């Protein structure tokens, strides 16, 4: 069996980056928490809406507030993640990487 190995030394740039999915998920959780606080802080379920003359229940008010607060929370923490990414991009390091490529000839088979 014949092996051919090839070594190359390359340089690479390494930097830390925030995980955007975690920031968006935390923003959604923060939005749900804000909607929950707003639902019970301002009890508007005891009076009719002035424009529609409908009495909304507490779960309906919570749902309406979630429709507003979740995207706002995701946008705010997404912006925080972008700012962190810009700040951390300044601290990138250059490292040397040993790149090895090994090829085995398929014609040579050891039994």
C-alpha atoms as a PDB file:
ATOM      1  CA  UNK A   1       0.000   0.000   0.000  1.00  0.00           C
ATOM      2  CA  UNK A   2       1.475   3.332  -1.037  1.00  0.00           C
ATOM      3  CA  UNK A   3       0.781   6.528   0.836  1.00  0.00           C
ATOM      4  CA  UNK A   4       1.532  10.018  -0.339  1.00  0.00           C
ATOM      5  CA  UNK A   5       1.554  12.702   2.333  1.00  0.00           C
ATOM      6  CA  UNK A   6       1.660  16.397   1.645  1.00  0.00           C
ATOM      7  CA  UNK A   7       2.284  18.998   4.391  1.00  0.00           C
ATOM      8  CA  UNK A   8       1.539  22.686   4.147  1.00  0.00           C
ATOM      9  CA  UNK A   9       1.809  25.366   6.767  1.00  0.00           C
ATOM     10  CA  UNK A  10      -0.963  27.954   6.395  1.00  0.00           C
ATOM     11  CA  UNK A  11      -2.063  30.952   8.396  1.00  0.00           C
ATOM     12  CA  UNK A  12      -5.624  31.385   9.603  1.00  0.00           C
ATOM     13  CA  UNK A  13      -7.467  34.152  11.406  1.00  0.00           C
ATOM     14  CA  UNK A  14      -9.286  33.061  14.562  1.00  0.00           C
ATOM     15  CA  UNK A  15     -11.813  35.173  16.411  1.00  0.00           C
ATOM     16  CA  UNK A  16     -14.675  34.646  18.799  1.00  0.00           C
ATOM     17  CA  UNK A  17     -18.204  35.215  17.594  1.00  0.00           C
ATOM     18  CA  UNK A  18     -21.499  35.322  19.508  1.00  0.00           C
ATOM     19  CA  UNK A  19     -24.100  32.647  18.866  1.00  0.00           C
ATOM     20  CA  UNK A  20     -26.958  34.547  17.270  1.00  0.00           C
ATOM     21  CA  UNK A  21     -29.595  31.856  17.879  1.00  0.00           C
ATOM     22  CA  UNK A  22     -29.065  32.103  21.627  1.00  0.00           C
ATOM     23  CA  UNK A  23     -29.414  35.883  21.546  1.00  0.00           C
ATOM     24  CA  UNK A  24     -32.634  35.647  19.501  1.00  0.00           C
ATOM     25  CA  UNK A  25     -34.059  33.006  21.837  1.00  0.00           C
ATOM     26  CA  UNK A  26     -33.202  35.096  24.901  1.00  0.00           C
ATOM     27  CA  UNK A  27     -34.840  38.087  23.188  1.00  0.00           C
ATOM     28  CA  UNK A  28     -38.024  36.070  22.637  1.00  0.00           C
ATOM     29  CA  UNK A  29     -38.041  34.960  26.271  1.00  0.00           C
ATOM     30  CA  UNK A  30     -37.458  38.548  27.378  1.00  0.00           C
ATOM     31  CA  UNK A  31     -40.372  39.647  25.152  1.00  0.00           C
ATOM     32  CA  UNK A  32     -42.681  37.026  26.677  1.00  0.00           C
ATOM     33  CA  UNK A  33     -41.668  38.129  30.160  1.00  0.00           C
ATOM     34  CA  UNK A  34     -42.301  41.785  29.272  1.00  0.00           C
ATOM     35  CA  UNK A  35     -45.719  40.891  27.824  1.00  0.00           C
ATOM     36  CA  UNK A  36     -46.581  38.977  30.990  1.00  0.00           C
ATOM     37  CA  UNK A  37     -45.575  41.902  33.203  1.00  0.00           C
ATOM     38  CA  UNK A  38     -47.494  44.395  31.059  1.00  0.00           C
ATOM     39  CA  UNK A  39     -50.579  42.167  31.037  1.00  0.00           C
ATOM     40  CA  UNK A  40     -50.894  42.140  34.803  1.00  0.00           C
ATOM     41  CA  UNK A  41     -49.406  45.585  35.539  1.00  0.00           C
ATOM     42  CA  UNK A  42     -52.079  47.437  33.570  1.00  0.00           C
ATOM     43  CA  UNK A  43     -55.313  45.540  34.016  1.00  0.00           C
ATOM     44  CA  UNK A  44     -57.227  46.719  30.976  1.00  0.00           C
ATOM     45  CA  UNK A  45     -59.564  43.732  30.886  1.00  0.00           C
ATOM     46  CA  UNK A  46     -62.144  45.406  33.118  1.00  0.00           C
ATOM     47  CA  UNK A  47     -63.202  47.988  30.534  1.00  0.00           C
ATOM     48  CA  UNK A  48     -64.332  47.835  26.933  1.00  0.00           C
ATOM     49  CA  UNK A  49     -62.052  48.920  24.148  1.00  0.00           C
ATOM     50  CA  UNK A  50     -62.958  52.477  23.088  1.00  0.00           C
ATOM     51  CA  UNK A  51     -62.561  51.752  19.379  1.00  0.00           C
ATOM     52  CA  UNK A  52     -64.174  48.294  19.071  1.00  0.00           C
ATOM     53  CA  UNK A  53     -66.443  48.237  22.152  1.00  0.00           C
ATOM     54  CA  UNK A  54     -65.223  44.681  22.910  1.00  0.00           C
ATOM     55  CA  UNK A  55     -64.200  43.370  26.333  1.00  0.00           C
ATOM     56  CA  UNK A  56     -60.924  41.430  25.925  1.00  0.00           C
ATOM     57  CA  UNK A  57     -59.944  38.639  28.327  1.00  0.00           C
ATOM     58  CA  UNK A  58     -56.546  38.403  30.047  1.00  0.00           C
ATOM     59  CA  UNK A  59     -55.207  35.661  27.697  1.00  0.00           C
ATOM     60  CA  UNK A  60     -56.232  37.760  24.687  1.00  0.00           C
ATOM     61  CA  UNK A  61     -54.416  40.803  26.048  1.00  0.00           C
ATOM     62  CA  UNK A  62     -51.350  38.635  26.753  1.00  0.00           C
ATOM     63  CA  UNK A  63     -51.452  37.278  23.186  1.00  0.00           C
ATOM     64  CA  UNK A  64     -51.708  40.747  21.661  1.00  0.00           C
ATOM     65  CA  UNK A  65     -48.807  41.979  23.767  1.00  0.00           C
ATOM     66  CA  UNK A  66     -46.719  38.927  22.801  1.00  0.00           C
ATOM     67  CA  UNK A  67     -47.233  39.834  19.138  1.00  0.00           C
ATOM     68  CA  UNK A  68     -45.530  43.161  19.842  1.00  0.00           C
ATOM     69  CA  UNK A  69     -43.037  42.381  22.623  1.00  0.00           C
ATOM     70  CA  UNK A  70     -41.419  39.223  21.191  1.00  0.00           C
ATOM     71  CA  UNK A  71     -40.188  40.837  17.932  1.00  0.00           C
ATOM     72  CA  UNK A  72     -38.982  43.890  19.860  1.00  0.00           C
ATOM     73  CA  UNK A  73     -37.041  41.703  22.318  1.00  0.00           C
ATOM     74  CA  UNK A  74     -35.520  39.693  19.484  1.00  0.00           C
ATOM     75  CA  UNK A  75     -34.516  42.864  17.634  1.00  0.00           C
ATOM     76  CA  UNK A  76     -32.918  44.422  20.717  1.00  0.00           C
ATOM     77  CA  UNK A  77     -30.857  41.364  21.633  1.00  0.00           C
ATOM     78  CA  UNK A  78     -30.021  40.775  17.956  1.00  0.00           C
ATOM     79  CA  UNK A  79     -28.574  44.300  17.883  1.00  0.00           C
ATOM     80  CA  UNK A  80     -26.603  43.510  21.056  1.00  0.00           C
ATOM     81  CA  UNK A  81     -25.204  40.401  19.339  1.00  0.00           C
ATOM     82  CA  UNK A  82     -24.174  42.471  16.299  1.00  0.00           C
ATOM     83  CA  UNK A  83     -22.432  45.023  18.515  1.00  0.00           C
ATOM     84  CA  UNK A  84     -20.606  42.229  20.357  1.00  0.00           C
ATOM     85  CA  UNK A  85     -19.596  40.684  17.032  1.00  0.00           C
ATOM     86  CA  UNK A  86     -18.133  43.988  15.838  1.00  0.00           C
ATOM     87  CA  UNK A  87     -16.245  44.455  19.108  1.00  0.00           C
ATOM     88  CA  UNK A  88     -14.872  40.898  19.111  1.00  0.00           C
ATOM     89  CA  UNK A  89     -13.795  41.115  15.446  1.00  0.00           C
ATOM     90  CA  UNK A  90     -11.094  43.563  16.486  1.00  0.00           C
ATOM     91  CA  UNK A  91      -9.478  40.877  18.629  1.00  0.00           C
ATOM     92  CA  UNK A  92      -8.770  38.352  15.925  1.00  0.00           C
ATOM     93  CA  UNK A  93      -5.572  36.341  16.153  1.00  0.00           C
ATOM     94  CA  UNK A  94      -3.413  34.908  13.432  1.00  0.00           C
ATOM     95  CA  UNK A  95      -2.413  31.274  13.971  1.00  0.00           C
ATOM     96  CA  UNK A  96      -0.318  28.830  11.987  1.00  0.00           C
ATOM     97  CA  UNK A  97      -2.043  25.635  10.898  1.00  0.00           C
ATOM     98  CA  UNK A  98      -0.345  22.448   9.716  1.00  0.00           C
ATOM     99  CA  UNK A  99      -2.476  21.156   6.851  1.00  0.00           C
ATOM    100  CA  UNK A 100      -1.786  17.512   6.037  1.00  0.00           C
ATOM    101  CA  UNK A 101      -3.271  15.629   3.117  1.00  0.00           C
ATOM    102  CA  UNK A 102      -2.781  11.855   2.883  1.00  0.00           C
ATOM    103  CA  UNK A 103      -3.650   9.946  -0.289  1.00  0.00           C
ATOM    104  CA  UNK A 104      -3.756   6.154  -0.436  1.00  0.00           C
ATOM    105  CA  UNK A 105      -3.551   4.463  -3.808  1.00  0.00           C
ATOM    106  CA  UNK A 106      -6.655   2.269  -4.222  1.00  0.00           C
ATOM    107  CA  UNK A 107      -4.805  -0.152  -6.530  1.00  0.00           C
ATOM    108  CA  UNK A 108      -2.609  -1.422  -3.710  1.00  0.00           C
ATOM    109  CA  UNK A 109      -4.650  -3.577  -1.376  1.00  0.00           C
ATOM    110  CA  UNK A 110      -3.180  -5.567   1.457  1.00  0.00           C
ATOM    111  CA  UNK A 111      -4.976  -8.803   2.253  1.00  0.00           C
END
